C-alpha atoms as a PDB file:
ATOM      1  CA  GLY A   1     -66.157 -60.250  27.378  1.00  0.00           C
ATOM      2  CA  SER A   2     -64.034 -61.060  24.360  1.00  0.00           C
ATOM      3  CA  ASP A   3     -66.229 -59.277  21.808  1.00  0.00           C
ATOM      4  CA  PRO A   4     -64.370 -56.728  19.668  1.00  0.00           C
ATOM      5  CA  TYR A   5     -65.353 -53.115  20.374  1.00  0.00           C
ATOM      6  CA  PHE A   6     -64.079 -49.584  20.152  1.00  0.00           C
ATOM      7  CA  VAL A   7     -64.877 -46.289  21.849  1.00  0.00           C
ATOM      8  CA  SER A   8     -64.856 -42.875  20.208  1.00  0.00           C
ATOM      9  CA  PRO A   9     -62.991 -39.877  21.487  1.00  0.00           C
ATOM     10  CA  VAL A  10     -65.109 -37.333  23.350  1.00  0.00           C
ATOM     11  CA  ILE A  11     -67.648 -35.630  21.065  1.00  0.00           C
ATOM     12  CA  ASN A  12     -70.022 -32.709  21.583  1.00  0.00           C
ATOM     13  CA  VAL A  13     -73.160 -33.204  19.460  1.00  0.00           C
ATOM     14  CA  PRO A  14     -76.690 -32.160  20.477  1.00  0.00           C
ATOM     15  CA  ALA A  15     -78.904 -35.267  20.166  1.00  0.00           C
ATOM     16  CA  GLU A  16     -81.772 -33.070  18.934  1.00  0.00           C
ATOM     17  CA  LYS A  17     -79.719 -32.354  15.787  1.00  0.00           C
ATOM     18  CA  ALA A  18     -78.829 -35.999  15.143  1.00  0.00           C
ATOM     19  CA  LYS A  19     -80.965 -38.750  13.623  1.00  0.00           C
ATOM     20  CA  GLY A  20     -78.849 -41.640  14.836  1.00  0.00           C
ATOM     21  CA  ILE A  21     -75.645 -43.581  14.293  1.00  0.00           C
ATOM     22  CA  ALA A  22     -74.401 -45.164  11.068  1.00  0.00           C
ATOM     23  CA  LEU A  23     -71.431 -47.312  10.157  1.00  0.00           C
ATOM     24  CA  ARG A  24     -69.901 -49.125   7.213  1.00  0.00           C
ATOM     25  CA  ALA A  25     -68.223 -52.406   8.052  1.00  0.00           C
ATOM     26  CA  ARG A  26     -67.418 -55.948   6.990  1.00  0.00           C
ATOM     27  CA  VAL A  27     -67.986 -58.580   9.684  1.00  0.00           C
ATOM     28  CA  SER A  28     -67.748 -62.338  10.155  1.00  0.00           C
ATOM     29  CA  GLN A  29     -70.550 -62.342  12.778  1.00  0.00           C
ATOM     30  CA  PRO A  30     -73.797 -60.433  12.070  1.00  0.00           C
ATOM     31  CA  ASN A  31     -74.681 -58.868  15.435  1.00  0.00           C
ATOM     32  CA  GLY A  32     -73.534 -55.593  16.955  1.00  0.00           C
ATOM     33  CA  GLU A  33     -74.506 -52.907  19.429  1.00  0.00           C
ATOM     34  CA  PHE A  34     -74.215 -49.135  19.604  1.00  0.00           C
ATOM     35  CA  PHE A  35     -73.829 -47.480  23.012  1.00  0.00           C
ATOM     36  CA  TRP A  36     -73.759 -43.754  23.648  1.00  0.00           C
ATOM     37  CA  GLY A  37     -72.951 -41.468  26.542  1.00  0.00           C
ATOM     38  CA  THR A  38     -74.600 -38.078  26.981  1.00  0.00           C
ATOM     39  CA  SER A  39     -74.700 -35.091  29.269  1.00  0.00           C
ATOM     40  CA  PHE A  40     -77.304 -37.134  31.213  1.00  0.00           C
ATOM     41  CA  GLY A  41     -75.050 -40.135  31.795  1.00  0.00           C
ATOM     42  CA  PRO A  42     -72.140 -42.271  30.589  1.00  0.00           C
ATOM     43  CA  LEU A  43     -72.130 -45.263  28.238  1.00  0.00           C
ATOM     44  CA  SER A  44     -74.609 -47.785  29.665  1.00  0.00           C
ATOM     45  CA  PRO A  45     -77.136 -50.504  28.777  1.00  0.00           C
ATOM     46  CA  GLN A  46     -79.909 -47.874  29.054  1.00  0.00           C
ATOM     47  CA  ARG A  47     -78.290 -46.094  26.099  1.00  0.00           C
ATOM     48  CA  GLU A  48     -77.817 -49.118  23.817  1.00  0.00           C
ATOM     49  CA  VAL A  49     -79.382 -50.522  20.642  1.00  0.00           C
ATOM     50  CA  SER A  50     -78.634 -53.651  18.643  1.00  0.00           C
ATOM     51  CA  PHE A  51     -78.030 -53.829  14.914  1.00  0.00           C
ATOM     52  CA  GLN A  52     -77.233 -56.478  12.332  1.00  0.00           C
ATOM     53  CA  LEU A  53     -74.971 -56.578   9.299  1.00  0.00           C
ATOM     54  CA  PRO A  54     -74.774 -59.426   6.774  1.00  0.00           C
ATOM     55  CA  ALA A  55     -71.765 -61.623   7.543  1.00  0.00           C
ATOM     56  CA  ASP A  56     -71.021 -62.307   3.869  1.00  0.00           C
ATOM     57  CA  GLY A  57     -67.505 -60.924   3.422  1.00  0.00           C
ATOM     58  CA  GLN A  58     -68.748 -57.668   1.856  1.00  0.00           C
ATOM     59  CA  PHE A  59     -68.889 -54.129   3.254  1.00  0.00           C
ATOM     60  CA  HIS A  60     -72.380 -52.984   4.298  1.00  0.00           C
ATOM     61  CA  GLU A  61     -73.833 -49.823   5.795  1.00  0.00           C
ATOM     62  CA  VAL A  62     -76.304 -49.667   8.643  1.00  0.00           C
ATOM     63  CA  LEU A  63     -78.156 -46.636  10.024  1.00  0.00           C
ATOM     64  CA  VAL A  64     -79.917 -46.897  13.363  1.00  0.00           C
ATOM     65  CA  ASP A  65     -82.540 -44.163  13.772  1.00  0.00           C
ATOM     66  CA  LEU A  66     -82.556 -43.184  17.442  1.00  0.00           C
ATOM     67  CA  THR A  67     -84.945 -40.231  17.335  1.00  0.00           C
ATOM     68  CA  THR A  68     -87.610 -42.144  19.295  1.00  0.00           C
ATOM     69  CA  HIS A  69     -85.255 -43.694  21.870  1.00  0.00           C
ATOM     70  CA  PRO A  70     -85.963 -42.101  25.294  1.00  0.00           C
ATOM     71  CA  GLU A  71     -82.234 -41.789  26.094  1.00  0.00           C
ATOM     72  CA  TRP A  72     -81.361 -40.032  22.798  1.00  0.00           C
ATOM     73  CA  ARG A  73     -81.284 -36.604  24.443  1.00  0.00           C
ATOM     74  CA  GLY A  74     -78.901 -33.997  25.779  1.00  0.00           C
ATOM     75  CA  ILE A  75     -75.398 -33.661  24.389  1.00  0.00           C
ATOM     76  CA  LEU A  76     -73.825 -36.784  22.899  1.00  0.00           C
ATOM     77  CA  ARG A  77     -70.437 -37.242  24.566  1.00  0.00           C
ATOM     78  CA  GLN A  78     -69.136 -40.628  23.419  1.00  0.00           C
ATOM     79  CA  LEU A  79     -69.976 -43.616  21.216  1.00  0.00           C
ATOM     80  CA  ARG A  80     -69.079 -47.255  21.592  1.00  0.00           C
ATOM     81  CA  VAL A  81     -69.530 -49.945  18.955  1.00  0.00           C
ATOM     82  CA  ASP A  82     -69.507 -53.605  19.986  1.00  0.00           C
ATOM     83  CA  PHE A  83     -69.428 -56.499  17.550  1.00  0.00           C
ATOM     84  CA  ALA A  84     -70.328 -60.137  18.198  1.00  0.00           C
ATOM     85  CA  GLY A  85     -67.552 -62.634  17.904  1.00  0.00           C
ATOM     86  CA  GLY A  86     -64.491 -64.008  19.498  1.00  0.00           C
ATOM     87  CA  LYS A  87     -61.182 -65.590  18.603  1.00  0.00           C
ATOM     88  CA  GLY A  88     -60.852 -65.954  14.832  1.00  0.00           C
ATOM     89  CA  ASP A  89     -63.704 -63.582  13.954  1.00  0.00           C
ATOM     90  CA  THR A  90     -62.972 -60.445  11.963  1.00  0.00           C
ATOM     91  CA  VAL A  91     -64.326 -56.912  11.838  1.00  0.00           C
ATOM     92  CA  GLU A  92     -63.245 -54.169   9.442  1.00  0.00           C
ATOM     93  CA  VAL A  93     -64.783 -50.727   9.954  1.00  0.00           C
ATOM     94  CA  GLU A  94     -64.493 -48.031   7.283  1.00  0.00           C
ATOM     95  CA  TRP A  95     -66.372 -45.361   9.233  1.00  0.00           C
ATOM     96  CA  VAL A  96     -68.821 -44.543  12.029  1.00  0.00           C
ATOM     97  CA  ARG A  97     -70.935 -41.372  11.918  1.00  0.00           C
ATOM     98  CA  VAL A  98     -73.479 -39.456  13.894  1.00  0.00           C
ATOM     99  CA  VAL A  99     -76.087 -38.704  11.219  1.00  0.00           C
ATOM    100  CA  ARG A 100     -77.758 -35.292  11.117  1.00  0.00           C
ATOM    101  CA  ARG A 101     -81.546 -34.944  11.023  1.00  0.00           C
END
């Protein structure tokens, strides 16, 4: 699709030591998705959660707690962040983090 997204470099983080994924961004459309790949499999819809940010022109932080997600296991290998939108929409990301437990 035409949604803006980006993929992290390869990482090596045990999921058991991580609470989830956080980011700080300013968006013109409120919806987004986190995907993750692990030692059990690559980026896929089975390893995906949705999130929302206010689309008000300000920077906001979101933390998605993944400790109860059945696919949050093994070694985290890669992250992908997708944002809703298309031509003319904007996304500015200050940071994305894997958050420790």
